[in-house]
Amino acid sequence: NCNREIVLLVDSINKIEIYGESLTLETNLDERKVHGILDAIEFANKIGFPEHFLIANPAGISNTFIKGINTWQSLDEAVSWGIINSPSEEVVLQTDMRAFANPTRMKNIMKATEDLASKILSICPNCGMYGYCLSSYRRGVPCEWCKLPTDLIISEIYSCQKCMHNTEIIKETGYADPGMCDFCNP
């Protein structure tokens, strides 16, 4: 499972959009079908309950659930309710992925916000507008053996959305290992 968060700044006066992004494998996205409170407690401990909230729904019943379960008493009540209302007497528990209910997700949103802040603090050397940041890559580092372009990054392109000024920063001036070449190592 992967956790990708994006935060966006829309400046309608200057007609630009800047986004911050964070991508991590750190997530507690999970669900389990439980048959009673002991199964539920085991699952809850695994996902970091009660700091990470839970959602419960009776197995086999759609669109019927309890969100925001964040105390042991509310977990016990939700499991009892789910078992009573499920044809199979099972409850599906899942992590509540709403941001306020999931500290793991909150941490990643904070990283995306920090990325946005760093982009806002980056000023265009041409016009002075904020948001001068990485916009694309140029690929094609040549293979050491056959000299054909590979998919490896040669340079990073930084751009201004206001005046369209670009700066290319070379990252690689040598050759790529043949193991990275689609021709030499198909």
C-alpha atoms as a PDB file:
ATOM      1  CA  ASN A   1       0.000   0.000   0.000  1.00  0.00           C
ATOM      2  CA  CYS A   2       1.150   3.500  -0.809  1.00  0.00           C
ATOM      3  CA  ASN A   3       0.159   6.830   0.700  1.00  0.00           C
ATOM      4  CA  ARG A   4       0.256   9.816  -1.671  1.00  0.00           C
ATOM      5  CA  GLU A   5      -0.805  13.219  -0.436  1.00  0.00           C
ATOM      6  CA  ILE A   6      -1.057  16.405  -2.476  1.00  0.00           C
ATOM      7  CA  VAL A   7      -1.716  19.898  -1.146  1.00  0.00           C
ATOM      8  CA  LEU A   8      -2.519  22.671  -3.589  1.00  0.00           C
ATOM      9  CA  LEU A   9      -2.177  26.459  -3.626  1.00  0.00           C
ATOM     10  CA  VAL A  10      -4.304  28.197  -6.256  1.00  0.00           C
ATOM     11  CA  ASP A  11      -3.369  31.841  -6.824  1.00  0.00           C
ATOM     12  CA  SER A  12      -6.199  33.184  -9.003  1.00  0.00           C
ATOM     13  CA  ILE A  13      -4.688  36.692  -9.137  1.00  0.00           C
ATOM     14  CA  ASN A  14      -1.390  35.512 -10.653  1.00  0.00           C
ATOM     15  CA  LYS A  15      -3.068  32.556 -12.404  1.00  0.00           C
ATOM     16  CA  ILE A  16      -0.720  29.896 -11.065  1.00  0.00           C
ATOM     17  CA  GLU A  17      -1.111  26.639  -9.180  1.00  0.00           C
ATOM     18  CA  ILE A  18       1.593  25.167  -6.996  1.00  0.00           C
ATOM     19  CA  TYR A  19       1.320  21.791  -5.335  1.00  0.00           C
ATOM     20  CA  GLY A  20       3.238  20.011  -2.648  1.00  0.00           C
ATOM     21  CA  GLU A  21       3.438  16.251  -2.709  1.00  0.00           C
ATOM     22  CA  SER A  22       4.543  13.437  -0.460  1.00  0.00           C
ATOM     23  CA  LEU A  23       4.646   9.796  -1.394  1.00  0.00           C
ATOM     24  CA  THR A  24       5.435   7.107   1.152  1.00  0.00           C
ATOM     25  CA  LEU A  25       4.974   3.419   1.791  1.00  0.00           C
ATOM     26  CA  GLU A  26       4.161   4.279   5.399  1.00  0.00           C
ATOM     27  CA  THR A  27       0.440   3.698   5.741  1.00  0.00           C
ATOM     28  CA  ASN A  28      -1.870   1.764   8.000  1.00  0.00           C
ATOM     29  CA  LEU A  29      -4.544   1.129   5.377  1.00  0.00           C
ATOM     30  CA  ASP A  30      -5.989  -2.223   6.383  1.00  0.00           C
ATOM     31  CA  GLU A  31      -9.187  -4.119   7.021  1.00  0.00           C
ATOM     32  CA  ARG A  32     -10.206  -7.364   8.653  1.00  0.00           C
ATOM     33  CA  LYS A  33     -13.356  -9.406   9.048  1.00  0.00           C
ATOM     34  CA  VAL A  34     -13.836 -10.163  12.752  1.00  0.00           C
ATOM     35  CA  HIS A  35     -16.094 -12.587  14.578  1.00  0.00           C
ATOM     36  CA  GLY A  36     -16.011 -11.016  18.014  1.00  0.00           C
ATOM     37  CA  ILE A  37     -14.382  -8.500  20.301  1.00  0.00           C
ATOM     38  CA  LEU A  38     -11.158 -10.504  20.765  1.00  0.00           C
ATOM     39  CA  ASP A  39     -10.522 -10.489  16.998  1.00  0.00           C
ATOM     40  CA  ALA A  40     -11.382  -6.791  16.972  1.00  0.00           C
ATOM     41  CA  ILE A  41      -8.940  -5.986  19.797  1.00  0.00           C
ATOM     42  CA  GLU A  42      -6.145  -7.861  18.021  1.00  0.00           C
ATOM     43  CA  PHE A  43      -6.772  -5.925  14.810  1.00  0.00           C
ATOM     44  CA  ALA A  44      -7.149  -2.613  16.658  1.00  0.00           C
ATOM     45  CA  ASN A  45      -3.793  -3.082  18.380  1.00  0.00           C
ATOM     46  CA  LYS A  46      -2.171  -3.881  15.028  1.00  0.00           C
ATOM     47  CA  ILE A  47      -3.276  -0.617  13.372  1.00  0.00           C
ATOM     48  CA  GLY A  48      -2.479   1.724  16.275  1.00  0.00           C
ATOM     49  CA  PHE A  49      -5.942   2.135  17.780  1.00  0.00           C
ATOM     50  CA  PRO A  50      -7.234   4.324  19.443  1.00  0.00           C
ATOM     51  CA  GLU A  51      -5.010   7.067  17.946  1.00  0.00           C
ATOM     52  CA  HIS A  52      -5.938   5.666  14.526  1.00  0.00           C
ATOM     53  CA  PHE A  53      -9.720   5.498  14.329  1.00  0.00           C
ATOM     54  CA  LEU A  54     -11.704   2.565  12.927  1.00  0.00           C
ATOM     55  CA  ILE A  55     -14.793   2.084  10.762  1.00  0.00           C
ATOM     56  CA  ALA A  56     -17.119  -0.896  11.257  1.00  0.00           C
ATOM     57  CA  ASN A  57     -19.794  -2.346   9.042  1.00  0.00           C
ATOM     58  CA  PRO A  58     -21.796  -5.568   9.260  1.00  0.00           C
ATOM     59  CA  ALA A  59     -20.374  -8.104   6.789  1.00  0.00           C
ATOM     60  CA  GLY A  60     -22.724  -8.621   3.855  1.00  0.00           C
ATOM     61  CA  ILE A  61     -24.539  -5.316   4.369  1.00  0.00           C
ATOM     62  CA  SER A  62     -23.533  -2.374   2.189  1.00  0.00           C
ATOM     63  CA  ASN A  63     -23.828   1.316   3.051  1.00  0.00           C
ATOM     64  CA  THR A  64     -24.331   0.643   6.755  1.00  0.00           C
ATOM     65  CA  PHE A  65     -21.378   1.537   8.934  1.00  0.00           C
ATOM     66  CA  ILE A  66     -20.102   3.369  11.984  1.00  0.00           C
ATOM     67  CA  LYS A  67     -17.221   5.792  11.480  1.00  0.00           C
ATOM     68  CA  GLY A  68     -14.955   7.496  13.988  1.00  0.00           C
ATOM     69  CA  ILE A  69     -14.536   4.612  16.413  1.00  0.00           C
ATOM     70  CA  ASN A  70     -11.820   5.841  18.781  1.00  0.00           C
ATOM     71  CA  THR A  71     -12.453   4.348  22.225  1.00  0.00           C
ATOM     72  CA  TRP A  72     -12.406   0.763  23.432  1.00  0.00           C
ATOM     73  CA  GLN A  73     -16.021   1.109  24.542  1.00  0.00           C
ATOM     74  CA  SER A  74     -17.147   2.405  21.130  1.00  0.00           C
ATOM     75  CA  LEU A  75     -15.226  -0.449  19.471  1.00  0.00           C
ATOM     76  CA  ASP A  76     -17.016  -3.001  21.670  1.00  0.00           C
ATOM     77  CA  GLU A  77     -20.389  -1.390  20.879  1.00  0.00           C
ATOM     78  CA  ALA A  78     -19.674  -1.259  17.126  1.00  0.00           C
ATOM     79  CA  VAL A  79     -18.605  -4.912  17.003  1.00  0.00           C
ATOM     80  CA  SER A  80     -21.731  -6.003  18.927  1.00  0.00           C
ATOM     81  CA  TRP A  81     -23.930  -3.887  16.635  1.00  0.00           C
ATOM     82  CA  GLY A  82     -22.210  -5.288  13.522  1.00  0.00           C
ATOM     83  CA  ILE A  83     -22.565  -8.908  14.587  1.00  0.00           C
ATOM     84  CA  ILE A  84     -26.268  -8.448  15.355  1.00  0.00           C
ATOM     85  CA  ASN A  85     -26.881  -6.818  11.961  1.00  0.00           C
ATOM     86  CA  SER A  86     -24.749  -9.118   9.796  1.00  0.00           C
ATOM     87  CA  PRO A  87     -26.250 -12.230   8.142  1.00  0.00           C
ATOM     88  CA  SER A  88     -22.941 -14.029   8.782  1.00  0.00           C
ATOM     89  CA  GLU A  89     -22.452 -12.565  12.282  1.00  0.00           C
ATOM     90  CA  GLU A  90     -19.196 -10.930  11.159  1.00  0.00           C
ATOM     91  CA  VAL A  91     -18.005  -7.339  11.161  1.00  0.00           C
ATOM     92  CA  VAL A  92     -15.640  -5.719   8.712  1.00  0.00           C
ATOM     93  CA  LEU A  93     -13.275  -3.380  10.542  1.00  0.00           C
ATOM     94  CA  GLN A  94     -11.125  -1.013   8.548  1.00  0.00           C
ATOM     95  CA  THR A  95      -8.790   1.832   9.298  1.00  0.00           C
ATOM     96  CA  ASP A  96     -10.450   5.227   9.086  1.00  0.00           C
ATOM     97  CA  MET A  97      -8.407   7.016   6.427  1.00  0.00           C
ATOM     98  CA  ARG A  98      -9.975  10.430   6.958  1.00  0.00           C
ATOM     99  CA  ALA A  99      -7.073  12.754   7.754  1.00  0.00           C
ATOM    100  CA  PHE A 100      -8.237  13.860  11.221  1.00  0.00           C
ATOM    101  CA  ALA A 101      -8.702  10.220  12.208  1.00  0.00           C
ATOM    102  CA  ASN A 102      -5.363   8.897  10.983  1.00  0.00           C
ATOM    103  CA  PRO A 103      -2.064  10.207  12.428  1.00  0.00           C
ATOM    104  CA  THR A 104      -0.028   8.272   9.845  1.00  0.00           C
ATOM    105  CA  ARG A 105      -1.815  10.122   7.073  1.00  0.00           C
ATOM    106  CA  MET A 106      -1.527  13.432   8.969  1.00  0.00           C
ATOM    107  CA  LYS A 107       2.250  13.012   9.023  1.00  0.00           C
ATOM    108  CA  ASN A 108       2.331  12.568   5.243  1.00  0.00           C
ATOM    109  CA  ILE A 109       0.066  15.591   4.714  1.00  0.00           C
ATOM    110  CA  MET A 110       2.536  17.596   6.808  1.00  0.00           C
ATOM    111  CA  LYS A 111       5.388  16.478   4.514  1.00  0.00           C
ATOM    112  CA  ALA A 112       3.354  17.511   1.450  1.00  0.00           C
ATOM    113  CA  THR A 113       2.715  20.891   3.078  1.00  0.00           C
ATOM    114  CA  GLU A 114       6.440  21.319   3.751  1.00  0.00           C
ATOM    115  CA  ASP A 115       7.115  20.517   0.071  1.00  0.00           C
ATOM    116  CA  LEU A 116       4.563  23.178  -0.933  1.00  0.00           C
ATOM    117  CA  ALA A 117       6.163  25.720   1.415  1.00  0.00           C
ATOM    118  CA  SER A 118       9.623  25.105  -0.068  1.00  0.00           C
ATOM    119  CA  LYS A 119       8.206  25.661  -3.577  1.00  0.00           C
ATOM    120  CA  ILE A 120       6.509  28.884  -2.495  1.00  0.00           C
ATOM    121  CA  LEU A 121       9.828  30.126  -1.083  1.00  0.00           C
ATOM    122  CA  SER A 122      11.620  29.429  -4.381  1.00  0.00           C
ATOM    123  CA  ILE A 123      11.749  32.653  -6.425  1.00  0.00           C
ATOM    124  CA  CYS A 124      12.029  32.930 -10.223  1.00  0.00           C
ATOM    125  CA  PRO A 125      15.386  34.484 -11.157  1.00  0.00           C
ATOM    126  CA  ASN A 126      13.746  36.220 -14.140  1.00  0.00           C
ATOM    127  CA  CYS A 127      10.549  37.845 -12.809  1.00  0.00           C
ATOM    128  CA  GLY A 128      10.686  37.377  -9.023  1.00  0.00           C
ATOM    129  CA  MET A 129       7.473  35.329  -8.824  1.00  0.00           C
ATOM    130  CA  TYR A 130       7.279  32.671  -6.135  1.00  0.00           C
ATOM    131  CA  GLY A 131       6.888  29.004  -7.043  1.00  0.00           C
ATOM    132  CA  TYR A 132       9.957  28.544  -9.244  1.00  0.00           C
ATOM    133  CA  CYS A 133      10.299  24.771  -9.008  1.00  0.00           C
ATOM    134  CA  LEU A 134      11.027  21.461 -10.665  1.00  0.00           C
ATOM    135  CA  SER A 135       8.610  21.003 -13.550  1.00  0.00           C
ATOM    136  CA  SER A 136      10.075  18.177 -15.644  1.00  0.00           C
ATOM    137  CA  TYR A 137      13.052  15.995 -16.429  1.00  0.00           C
ATOM    138  CA  ARG A 138      15.085  15.401 -19.565  1.00  0.00           C
ATOM    139  CA  ARG A 139      15.883  11.738 -19.976  1.00  0.00           C
ATOM    140  CA  GLY A 140      18.333   9.958 -22.238  1.00  0.00           C
ATOM    141  CA  VAL A 141      21.682   9.266 -20.557  1.00  0.00           C
ATOM    142  CA  PRO A 142      23.539   7.317 -23.276  1.00  0.00           C
ATOM    143  CA  CYS A 143      24.389   3.657 -22.729  1.00  0.00           C
ATOM    144  CA  GLU A 144      28.087   3.016 -22.139  1.00  0.00           C
ATOM    145  CA  TRP A 145      28.129   0.189 -24.730  1.00  0.00           C
ATOM    146  CA  CYS A 146      25.750   1.114 -27.544  1.00  0.00           C
ATOM    147  CA  LYS A 147      25.469   4.885 -26.902  1.00  0.00           C
ATOM    148  CA  LEU A 148      21.668   4.753 -27.381  1.00  0.00           C
ATOM    149  CA  PRO A 149      19.626   6.889 -24.948  1.00  0.00           C
ATOM    150  CA  THR A 150      18.315   5.224 -21.797  1.00  0.00           C
ATOM    151  CA  ASP A 151      15.417   6.302 -19.586  1.00  0.00           C
ATOM    152  CA  LEU A 152      17.804   7.705 -16.961  1.00  0.00           C
ATOM    153  CA  ILE A 153      17.602  11.408 -16.089  1.00  0.00           C
ATOM    154  CA  ILE A 154      20.133  13.748 -17.686  1.00  0.00           C
ATOM    155  CA  SER A 155      18.758  16.976 -16.223  1.00  0.00           C
ATOM    156  CA  GLU A 156      16.032  18.618 -14.173  1.00  0.00           C
ATOM    157  CA  ILE A 157      14.007  21.513 -15.584  1.00  0.00           C
ATOM    158  CA  TYR A 158      12.879  24.279 -13.204  1.00  0.00           C
ATOM    159  CA  SER A 159      10.142  26.612 -14.457  1.00  0.00           C
ATOM    160  CA  CYS A 160       8.142  29.717 -13.645  1.00  0.00           C
ATOM    161  CA  GLN A 161       4.422  29.536 -14.368  1.00  0.00           C
ATOM    162  CA  LYS A 162       4.165  33.333 -14.626  1.00  0.00           C
ATOM    163  CA  CYS A 163       6.917  34.269 -17.149  1.00  0.00           C
ATOM    164  CA  MET A 164       7.703  30.737 -18.443  1.00  0.00           C
ATOM    165  CA  HIS A 165      11.417  31.134 -17.664  1.00  0.00           C
ATOM    166  CA  ASN A 166      13.236  27.760 -17.476  1.00  0.00           C
ATOM    167  CA  THR A 167      16.526  26.614 -16.027  1.00  0.00           C
ATOM    168  CA  GLU A 168      18.037  23.231 -16.852  1.00  0.00           C
ATOM    169  CA  ILE A 169      20.274  21.677 -14.219  1.00  0.00           C
ATOM    170  CA  ILE A 170      22.463  18.875 -15.575  1.00  0.00           C
ATOM    171  CA  LYS A 171      22.478  15.838 -13.279  1.00  0.00           C
ATOM    172  CA  GLU A 172      24.389  13.306 -15.368  1.00  0.00           C
ATOM    173  CA  THR A 173      27.214  13.868 -17.847  1.00  0.00           C
ATOM    174  CA  GLY A 174      28.566  10.337 -18.152  1.00  0.00           C
ATOM    175  CA  TYR A 175      27.256   7.081 -19.517  1.00  0.00           C
ATOM    176  CA  ALA A 176      24.626   4.709 -18.194  1.00  0.00           C
ATOM    177  CA  ASP A 177      25.407   1.192 -17.051  1.00  0.00           C
ATOM    178  CA  PRO A 178      24.412  -1.201 -19.879  1.00  0.00           C
ATOM    179  CA  GLY A 179      22.134  -2.937 -17.381  1.00  0.00           C
ATOM    180  CA  MET A 180      19.903   0.161 -17.574  1.00  0.00           C
ATOM    181  CA  CYS A 181      19.709   0.070 -21.388  1.00  0.00           C
ATOM    182  CA  ASP A 182      16.597  -1.321 -23.074  1.00  0.00           C
ATOM    183  CA  PHE A 183      18.670  -2.351 -26.111  1.00  0.00           C
ATOM    184  CA  CYS A 184      21.645  -3.986 -24.325  1.00  0.00           C
ATOM    185  CA  ASN A 185      19.544  -5.416 -21.507  1.00  0.00           C
ATOM    186  CA  PRO A 186      16.031  -5.948 -22.889  1.00  0.00           C
END
